[in-house]
């Protein structure tokens, strides 16, 4: 079952946004600078996480296809024999 790219990427980027904004506030930066940095970081994390989830989906789908091919090939070899 493939993963949902958008929901995972949005969740990770929201967590990153709040994490970066809290780090900025602890560092005594102005709220405007914290907001700009947090938005930029969240955007970059959104892009990176969406590519990562797409790569994971490709690996999962490939593994599912290989699994089905293995099941089919093992089922076909034994069905033609009379034991």
PDB file of N, CA and C in Angstrom:
ATOM      1  N   UNK A   1       0.843  -1.174   0.000  1.00  0.00           N
ATOM      2  CA  UNK A   1       0.000   0.000   0.000  1.00  0.00           C
ATOM      3  C   UNK A   1       0.892   1.241   0.000  1.00  0.00           C
ATOM      4  N   UNK A   2       0.816   2.054  -1.025  1.00  0.00           N
ATOM      5  CA  UNK A   2       1.654   3.249  -1.102  1.00  0.00           C
ATOM      6  C   UNK A   2       1.294   4.283  -0.027  1.00  0.00           C
ATOM      7  N   UNK A   3       2.271   5.047   0.345  1.00  0.00           N
ATOM      8  CA  UNK A   3       2.077   6.099   1.343  1.00  0.00           C
ATOM      9  C   UNK A   3       1.496   7.350   0.683  1.00  0.00           C
ATOM     10  N   UNK A   4       0.778   8.127   1.467  1.00  0.00           N
ATOM     11  CA  UNK A   4       0.183   9.367   0.974  1.00  0.00           C
ATOM     12  C   UNK A   4       1.223  10.481   1.065  1.00  0.00           C
ATOM     13  N   UNK A   5       1.672  10.955  -0.071  1.00  0.00           N
ATOM     14  CA  UNK A   5       2.808  11.878  -0.133  1.00  0.00           C
ATOM     15  C   UNK A   5       2.451  13.222   0.489  1.00  0.00           C
ATOM     16  N   UNK A   6       1.347  13.798   0.074  1.00  0.00           N
ATOM     17  CA  UNK A   6       1.018  15.149   0.505  1.00  0.00           C
ATOM     18  C   UNK A   6       0.796  15.238   2.010  1.00  0.00           C
ATOM     19  N   UNK A   7       0.054  14.312   2.584  1.00  0.00           N
ATOM     20  CA  UNK A   7      -0.240  14.394   4.009  1.00  0.00           C
ATOM     21  C   UNK A   7       1.021  14.223   4.859  1.00  0.00           C
ATOM     22  N   UNK A   8       1.898  13.324   4.445  1.00  0.00           N
ATOM     23  CA  UNK A   8       3.139  13.132   5.194  1.00  0.00           C
ATOM     24  C   UNK A   8       4.041  14.350   5.055  1.00  0.00           C
ATOM     25  N   UNK A   9       4.161  14.883   3.850  1.00  0.00           N
ATOM     26  CA  UNK A   9       5.027  16.045   3.628  1.00  0.00           C
ATOM     27  C   UNK A   9       4.510  17.272   4.388  1.00  0.00           C
ATOM     28  N   UNK A  10       3.205  17.467   4.410  1.00  0.00           N
ATOM     29  CA  UNK A  10       2.639  18.612   5.134  1.00  0.00           C
ATOM     30  C   UNK A  10       2.858  18.451   6.635  1.00  0.00           C
ATOM     31  N   UNK A  11       2.652  17.246   7.154  1.00  0.00           N
ATOM     32  CA  UNK A  11       2.845  17.022   8.591  1.00  0.00           C
ATOM     33  C   UNK A  11       4.285  17.280   9.014  1.00  0.00           C
ATOM     34  N   UNK A  12       5.222  16.784   8.221  1.00  0.00           N
ATOM     35  CA  UNK A  12       6.633  16.984   8.553  1.00  0.00           C
ATOM     36  C   UNK A  12       7.015  18.456   8.442  1.00  0.00           C
ATOM     37  N   UNK A  13       6.509  19.141   7.437  1.00  0.00           N
ATOM     38  CA  UNK A  13       6.867  20.554   7.275  1.00  0.00           C
ATOM     39  C   UNK A  13       6.236  21.423   8.361  1.00  0.00           C
ATOM     40  N   UNK A  14       5.054  21.088   8.830  1.00  0.00           N
ATOM     41  CA  UNK A  14       4.446  21.845   9.937  1.00  0.00           C
ATOM     42  C   UNK A  14       5.256  21.660  11.212  1.00  0.00           C
ATOM     43  N   UNK A  15       5.677  20.417  11.475  1.00  0.00           N
ATOM     44  CA  UNK A  15       6.536  20.185  12.639  1.00  0.00           C
ATOM     45  C   UNK A  15       7.841  20.963  12.526  1.00  0.00           C
ATOM     46  N   UNK A  16       8.407  20.992  11.346  1.00  0.00           N
ATOM     47  CA  UNK A  16       9.640  21.740  11.118  1.00  0.00           C
ATOM     48  C   UNK A  16       9.414  23.237  11.314  1.00  0.00           C
ATOM     49  N   UNK A  17       8.285  23.741  10.831  1.00  0.00           N
ATOM     50  CA  UNK A  17       7.981  25.168  10.976  1.00  0.00           C
ATOM     51  C   UNK A  17       7.963  25.562  12.449  1.00  0.00           C
ATOM     52  N   UNK A  18       7.227  24.802  13.260  1.00  0.00           N
ATOM     53  CA  UNK A  18       7.151  25.149  14.679  1.00  0.00           C
ATOM     54  C   UNK A  18       8.475  24.924  15.394  1.00  0.00           C
ATOM     55  N   UNK A  19       9.201  23.889  14.991  1.00  0.00           N
ATOM     56  CA  UNK A  19      10.513  23.660  15.595  1.00  0.00           C
ATOM     57  C   UNK A  19      11.484  24.790  15.299  1.00  0.00           C
ATOM     58  N   UNK A  20      11.514  25.232  14.048  1.00  0.00           N
ATOM     59  CA  UNK A  20      12.407  26.343  13.695  1.00  0.00           C
ATOM     60  C   UNK A  20      11.981  27.649  14.355  1.00  0.00           C
ATOM     61  N   UNK A  21      10.679  27.872  14.473  1.00  0.00           N
ATOM     62  CA  UNK A  21      10.234  29.111  15.112  1.00  0.00           C
ATOM     63  C   UNK A  21      10.558  29.113  16.602  1.00  0.00           C
ATOM     64  N   UNK A  22      10.446  27.973  17.262  1.00  0.00           N
ATOM     65  CA  UNK A  22      10.802  27.900  18.685  1.00  0.00           C
ATOM     66  C   UNK A  22      12.302  28.088  18.866  1.00  0.00           C
ATOM     67  N   UNK A  23      13.099  27.485  18.008  1.00  0.00           N
ATOM     68  CA  UNK A  23      14.554  27.667  18.080  1.00  0.00           C
ATOM     69  C   UNK A  23      14.912  29.137  17.851  1.00  0.00           C
ATOM     70  N   UNK A  24      14.232  29.788  16.916  1.00  0.00           N
ATOM     71  CA  UNK A  24      14.491  31.202  16.662  1.00  0.00           C
ATOM     72  C   UNK A  24      14.113  32.086  17.831  1.00  0.00           C
ATOM     73  N   UNK A  25      13.002  31.769  18.480  1.00  0.00           N
ATOM     74  CA  UNK A  25      12.593  32.563  19.643  1.00  0.00           C
ATOM     75  C   UNK A  25      13.539  32.368  20.818  1.00  0.00           C
ATOM     76  N   UNK A  26      14.035  31.131  20.989  1.00  0.00           N
ATOM     77  CA  UNK A  26      15.004  30.875  22.061  1.00  0.00           C
ATOM     78  C   UNK A  26      16.300  31.628  21.784  1.00  0.00           C
ATOM     79  N   UNK A  27      16.633  31.801  20.517  1.00  0.00           N
ATOM     80  CA  UNK A  27      17.867  32.503  20.137  1.00  0.00           C
ATOM     81  C   UNK A  27      17.708  34.017  20.166  1.00  0.00           C
ATOM     82  N   UNK A  28      16.581  34.519  20.621  1.00  0.00           N
ATOM     83  CA  UNK A  28      16.283  35.948  20.756  1.00  0.00           C
ATOM     84  C   UNK A  28      16.283  36.673  19.410  1.00  0.00           C
ATOM     85  N   UNK A  29      15.779  36.031  18.382  1.00  0.00           N
ATOM     86  CA  UNK A  29      15.595  36.695  17.101  1.00  0.00           C
ATOM     87  C   UNK A  29      14.232  37.389  17.105  1.00  0.00           C
ATOM     88  N   UNK A  30      14.086  38.368  16.237  1.00  0.00           N
ATOM     89  CA  UNK A  30      12.795  39.057  16.160  1.00  0.00           C
ATOM     90  C   UNK A  30      11.753  38.122  15.557  1.00  0.00           C
ATOM     91  N   UNK A  31      10.483  38.321  15.870  1.00  0.00           N
ATOM     92  CA  UNK A  31       9.439  37.442  15.334  1.00  0.00           C
ATOM     93  C   UNK A  31       9.388  37.427  13.804  1.00  0.00           C
ATOM     94  N   UNK A  32       9.685  38.551  13.173  1.00  0.00           N
ATOM     95  CA  UNK A  32       9.674  38.623  11.710  1.00  0.00           C
ATOM     96  C   UNK A  32      10.749  37.709  11.117  1.00  0.00           C
ATOM     97  N   UNK A  33      11.932  37.755  11.682  1.00  0.00           N
ATOM     98  CA  UNK A  33      13.037  36.920  11.201  1.00  0.00           C
ATOM     99  C   UNK A  33      12.729  35.449  11.478  1.00  0.00           C
ATOM    100  N   UNK A  34      12.160  35.151  12.659  1.00  0.00           N
ATOM    101  CA  UNK A  34      11.786  33.771  12.983  1.00  0.00           C
ATOM    102  C   UNK A  34      10.770  33.234  11.985  1.00  0.00           C
ATOM    103  N   UNK A  35       9.797  34.069  11.648  1.00  0.00           N
ATOM    104  CA  UNK A  35       8.749  33.649  10.721  1.00  0.00           C
ATOM    105  C   UNK A  35       9.320  33.385   9.335  1.00  0.00           C
ATOM    106  N   UNK A  36      10.157  34.297   8.850  1.00  0.00           N
ATOM    107  CA  UNK A  36      10.744  34.112   7.524  1.00  0.00           C
ATOM    108  C   UNK A  36      11.602  32.856   7.457  1.00  0.00           C
ATOM    109  N   UNK A  37      12.417  32.633   8.468  1.00  0.00           N
ATOM    110  CA  UNK A  37      13.281  31.451   8.479  1.00  0.00           C
ATOM    111  C   UNK A  37      12.466  30.166   8.625  1.00  0.00           C
ATOM    112  N   UNK A  38      11.429  30.222   9.444  1.00  0.00           N
ATOM    113  CA  UNK A  38      10.606  29.030   9.639  1.00  0.00           C
ATOM    114  C   UNK A  38       9.843  28.681   8.365  1.00  0.00           C
ATOM    115  N   UNK A  39       9.341  29.688   7.654  1.00  0.00           N
ATOM    116  CA  UNK A  39       8.636  29.422   6.398  1.00  0.00           C
ATOM    117  C   UNK A  39       9.597  28.874   5.350  1.00  0.00           C
ATOM    118  N   UNK A  40      10.781  29.452   5.257  1.00  0.00           N
ATOM    119  CA  UNK A  40      11.763  28.956   4.290  1.00  0.00           C
ATOM    120  C   UNK A  40      12.177  27.525   4.621  1.00  0.00           C
ATOM    121  N   UNK A  41      12.405  27.252   5.892  1.00  0.00           N
ATOM    122  CA  UNK A  41      12.772  25.896   6.304  1.00  0.00           C
ATOM    123  C   UNK A  41      11.653  24.901   6.064  1.00  0.00           C
ATOM    124  N   UNK A  42      10.416  25.311   6.354  1.00  0.00           N
ATOM    125  CA  UNK A  42       9.279  24.417   6.132  1.00  0.00           C
ATOM    126  C   UNK A  42       9.093  24.117   4.647  1.00  0.00           C
ATOM    127  N   UNK A  43       9.318  25.102   3.802  1.00  0.00           N
ATOM    128  CA  UNK A  43       9.207  24.883   2.362  1.00  0.00           C
ATOM    129  C   UNK A  43      10.265  23.895   1.876  1.00  0.00           C
ATOM    130  N   UNK A  44      11.491  24.069   2.329  1.00  0.00           N
ATOM    131  CA  UNK A  44      12.558  23.142   1.942  1.00  0.00           C
ATOM    132  C   UNK A  44      12.302  21.732   2.462  1.00  0.00           C
ATOM    133  N   UNK A  45      11.808  21.635   3.692  1.00  0.00           N
ATOM    134  CA  UNK A  45      11.511  20.322   4.262  1.00  0.00           C
ATOM    135  C   UNK A  45      10.343  19.673   3.527  1.00  0.00           C
ATOM    136  N   UNK A  46       9.355  20.472   3.105  1.00  0.00           N
ATOM    137  CA  UNK A  46       8.231  19.934   2.338  1.00  0.00           C
ATOM    138  C   UNK A  46       8.720  19.314   1.026  1.00  0.00           C
ATOM    139  N   UNK A  47       9.582  20.030   0.341  1.00  0.00           N
ATOM    140  CA  UNK A  47      10.105  19.519  -0.932  1.00  0.00           C
ATOM    141  C   UNK A  47      10.938  18.262  -0.700  1.00  0.00           C
ATOM    142  N   UNK A  48      11.807  18.290   0.292  1.00  0.00           N
ATOM    143  CA  UNK A  48      12.664  17.133   0.563  1.00  0.00           C
ATOM    144  C   UNK A  48      11.853  15.924   1.020  1.00  0.00           C
ATOM    145  N   UNK A  49      10.866  16.150   1.867  1.00  0.00           N
ATOM    146  CA  UNK A  49      10.081  15.020   2.361  1.00  0.00           C
ATOM    147  C   UNK A  49       9.171  14.452   1.272  1.00  0.00           C
ATOM    148  N   UNK A  50       8.685  15.300   0.374  1.00  0.00           N
ATOM    149  CA  UNK A  50       7.852  14.764  -0.701  1.00  0.00           C
ATOM    150  C   UNK A  50       8.690  13.894  -1.644  1.00  0.00           C
ATOM    151  N   UNK A  51       9.920  14.310  -1.943  1.00  0.00           N
ATOM    152  CA  UNK A  51      10.800  13.471  -2.755  1.00  0.00           C
ATOM    153  C   UNK A  51      11.147  12.174  -2.026  1.00  0.00           C
ATOM    154  N   UNK A  52      11.368  12.262  -0.720  1.00  0.00           N
ATOM    155  CA  UNK A  52      11.712  11.065   0.056  1.00  0.00           C
ATOM    156  C   UNK A  52      10.560  10.070   0.081  1.00  0.00           C
ATOM    157  N   UNK A  53       9.342  10.567   0.293  1.00  0.00           N
ATOM    158  CA  UNK A  53       8.187   9.675   0.341  1.00  0.00           C
ATOM    159  C   UNK A  53       7.929   9.069  -1.038  1.00  0.00           C
ATOM    160  N   UNK A  54       8.150   9.842  -2.104  1.00  0.00           N
ATOM    161  CA  UNK A  54       7.991   9.292  -3.451  1.00  0.00           C
ATOM    162  C   UNK A  54       9.017   8.184  -3.702  1.00  0.00           C
ATOM    163  N   UNK A  55      10.239   8.361  -3.219  1.00  0.00           N
ATOM    164  CA  UNK A  55      11.258   7.325  -3.375  1.00  0.00           C
ATOM    165  C   UNK A  55      10.891   6.077  -2.578  1.00  0.00           C
ATOM    166  N   UNK A  56      10.385   6.258  -1.374  1.00  0.00           N
ATOM    167  CA  UNK A  56       9.958   5.120  -0.559  1.00  0.00           C
ATOM    168  C   UNK A  56       8.798   4.398  -1.237  1.00  0.00           C
ATOM    169  N   UNK A  57       7.861   5.164  -1.808  1.00  0.00           N
ATOM    170  CA  UNK A  57       6.748   4.552  -2.532  1.00  0.00           C
ATOM    171  C   UNK A  57       7.242   3.731  -3.713  1.00  0.00           C
ATOM    172  N   UNK A  58       8.222   4.243  -4.435  1.00  0.00           N
ATOM    173  CA  UNK A  58       8.760   3.504  -5.572  1.00  0.00           C
ATOM    174  C   UNK A  58       9.384   2.188  -5.114  1.00  0.00           C
ATOM    175  N   UNK A  59      10.088   2.212  -4.008  1.00  0.00           N
ATOM    176  CA  UNK A  59      10.701   1.000  -3.475  1.00  0.00           C
ATOM    177  C   UNK A  59       9.628   0.015  -3.028  1.00  0.00           C
ATOM    178  N   UNK A  60       8.601   0.514  -2.332  1.00  0.00           N
ATOM    179  CA  UNK A  60       7.524  -0.358  -1.869  1.00  0.00           C
ATOM    180  C   UNK A  60       6.758  -0.985  -3.030  1.00  0.00           C
ATOM    181  N   UNK A  61       6.459  -0.199  -4.035  1.00  0.00           N
ATOM    182  CA  UNK A  61       5.724  -0.721  -5.189  1.00  0.00           C
ATOM    183  C   UNK A  61       6.558  -1.753  -5.934  1.00  0.00           C
ATOM    184  N   UNK A  62       7.852  -1.488  -6.071  1.00  0.00           N
ATOM    185  CA  UNK A  62       8.732  -2.456  -6.725  1.00  0.00           C
ATOM    186  C   UNK A  62       8.775  -3.764  -5.933  1.00  0.00           C
ATOM    187  N   UNK A  63       8.834  -3.657  -4.605  1.00  0.00           N
ATOM    188  CA  UNK A  63       8.852  -4.864  -3.777  1.00  0.00           C
ATOM    189  C   UNK A  63       7.539  -5.630  -3.890  1.00  0.00           C
ATOM    190  N   UNK A  64       6.412  -4.929  -3.962  1.00  0.00           N
ATOM    191  CA  UNK A  64       5.123  -5.607  -4.114  1.00  0.00           C
ATOM    192  C   UNK A  64       5.029  -6.305  -5.468  1.00  0.00           C
ATOM    193  N   UNK A  65       5.529  -5.670  -6.512  1.00  0.00           N
ATOM    194  CA  UNK A  65       5.503  -6.276  -7.845  1.00  0.00           C
ATOM    195  C   UNK A  65       6.383  -7.523  -7.873  1.00  0.00           C
ATOM    196  N   UNK A  66       7.563  -7.426  -7.303  1.00  0.00           N
ATOM    197  CA  UNK A  66       8.457  -8.585  -7.265  1.00  0.00           C
ATOM    198  C   UNK A  66       7.839  -9.722  -6.457  1.00  0.00           C
ATOM    199  N   UNK A  67       7.179  -9.405  -5.366  1.00  0.00           N
ATOM    200  CA  UNK A  67       6.531 -10.417  -4.541  1.00  0.00           C
ATOM    201  C   UNK A  67       5.433 -11.125  -5.334  1.00  0.00           C
ATOM    202  N   UNK A  68       4.629 -10.368  -6.062  1.00  0.00           N
ATOM    203  CA  UNK A  68       3.573 -10.980  -6.872  1.00  0.00           C
ATOM    204  C   UNK A  68       4.160 -11.830  -8.005  1.00  0.00           C
ATOM    205  N   UNK A  69       5.245 -11.367  -8.600  1.00  0.00           N
ATOM    206  CA  UNK A  69       5.878 -12.153  -9.659  1.00  0.00           C
ATOM    207  C   UNK A  69       6.442 -13.456  -9.108  1.00  0.00           C
ATOM    208  N   UNK A  70       7.023 -13.384  -7.902  1.00  0.00           N
ATOM    209  CA  UNK A  70       7.551 -14.604  -7.291  1.00  0.00           C
ATOM    210  C   UNK A  70       6.430 -15.586  -6.976  1.00  0.00           C
ATOM    211  N   UNK A  71       5.312 -15.086  -6.461  1.00  0.00           N
ATOM    212  CA  UNK A  71       4.179 -15.966  -6.162  1.00  0.00           C
ATOM    213  C   UNK A  71       3.630 -16.598  -7.435  1.00  0.00           C
ATOM    214  N   UNK A  72       3.549 -15.803  -8.493  1.00  0.00           N
ATOM    215  CA  UNK A  72       3.022 -16.313  -9.759  1.00  0.00           C
ATOM    216  C   UNK A  72       3.962 -17.341 -10.367  1.00  0.00           C
ATOM    217  N   UNK A  73       5.262 -17.069 -10.347  1.00  0.00           N
ATOM    218  CA  UNK A  73       6.210 -17.997 -10.970  1.00  0.00           C
ATOM    219  C   UNK A  73       6.303 -19.300 -10.187  1.00  0.00           C
ATOM    220  N   UNK A  74       6.210 -19.256  -8.868  1.00  0.00           N
ATOM    221  CA  UNK A  74       6.247 -20.486  -8.079  1.00  0.00           C
ATOM    222  C   UNK A  74       4.949 -21.262  -8.247  1.00  0.00           C
ATOM    223  N   UNK A  75       3.842 -20.591  -8.414  1.00  0.00           N
ATOM    224  CA  UNK A  75       2.569 -21.267  -8.601  1.00  0.00           C
ATOM    225  C   UNK A  75       2.472 -21.933  -9.953  1.00  0.00           C
ATOM    226  N   UNK A  76       3.062 -21.347 -10.986  1.00  0.00           N
ATOM    227  CA  UNK A  76       2.991 -21.903 -12.333  1.00  0.00           C
ATOM    228  C   UNK A  76       3.883 -23.122 -12.489  1.00  0.00           C
ATOM    229  N   UNK A  77       5.023 -23.171 -11.846  1.00  0.00           N
ATOM    230  CA  UNK A  77       5.952 -24.280 -12.041  1.00  0.00           C
ATOM    231  C   UNK A  77       5.427 -25.567 -11.432  1.00  0.00           C
ATOM    232  N   UNK A  78       4.695 -25.468 -10.362  1.00  0.00           N
ATOM    233  CA  UNK A  78       4.202 -26.693  -9.705  1.00  0.00           C
ATOM    234  C   UNK A  78       2.860 -27.149 -10.225  1.00  0.00           C
ATOM    235  N   UNK A  79       2.127 -26.329 -10.935  1.00  0.00           N
ATOM    236  CA  UNK A  79       0.763 -26.688 -11.347  1.00  0.00           C
ATOM    237  C   UNK A  79       0.757 -27.642 -12.543  1.00  0.00           C
ATOM    238  N   UNK A  80       1.801 -27.651 -13.350  1.00  0.00           N
ATOM    239  CA  UNK A  80       1.822 -28.476 -14.553  1.00  0.00           C
ATOM    240  C   UNK A  80       2.294 -29.904 -14.304  1.00  0.00           C
ATOM    241  N   UNK A  81       2.794 -30.194 -13.144  1.00  0.00           N
ATOM    242  CA  UNK A  81       3.339 -31.515 -12.865  1.00  0.00           C
ATOM    243  C   UNK A  81       2.277 -32.429 -12.269  1.00  0.00           C
ATOM    244  N   UNK A  82       2.384 -33.665 -12.576  1.00  0.00           N
ATOM    245  CA  UNK A  82       1.528 -34.678 -11.973  1.00  0.00           C
ATOM    246  C   UNK A  82       2.354 -35.465 -10.985  1.00  0.00           C
ATOM    247  N   UNK A  83       2.183 -35.189  -9.710  1.00  0.00           N
ATOM    248  CA  UNK A  83       2.977 -35.881  -8.680  1.00  0.00           C
ATOM    249  C   UNK A  83       2.251 -37.067  -8.140  1.00  0.00           C
TER     250      UNK A  83
END
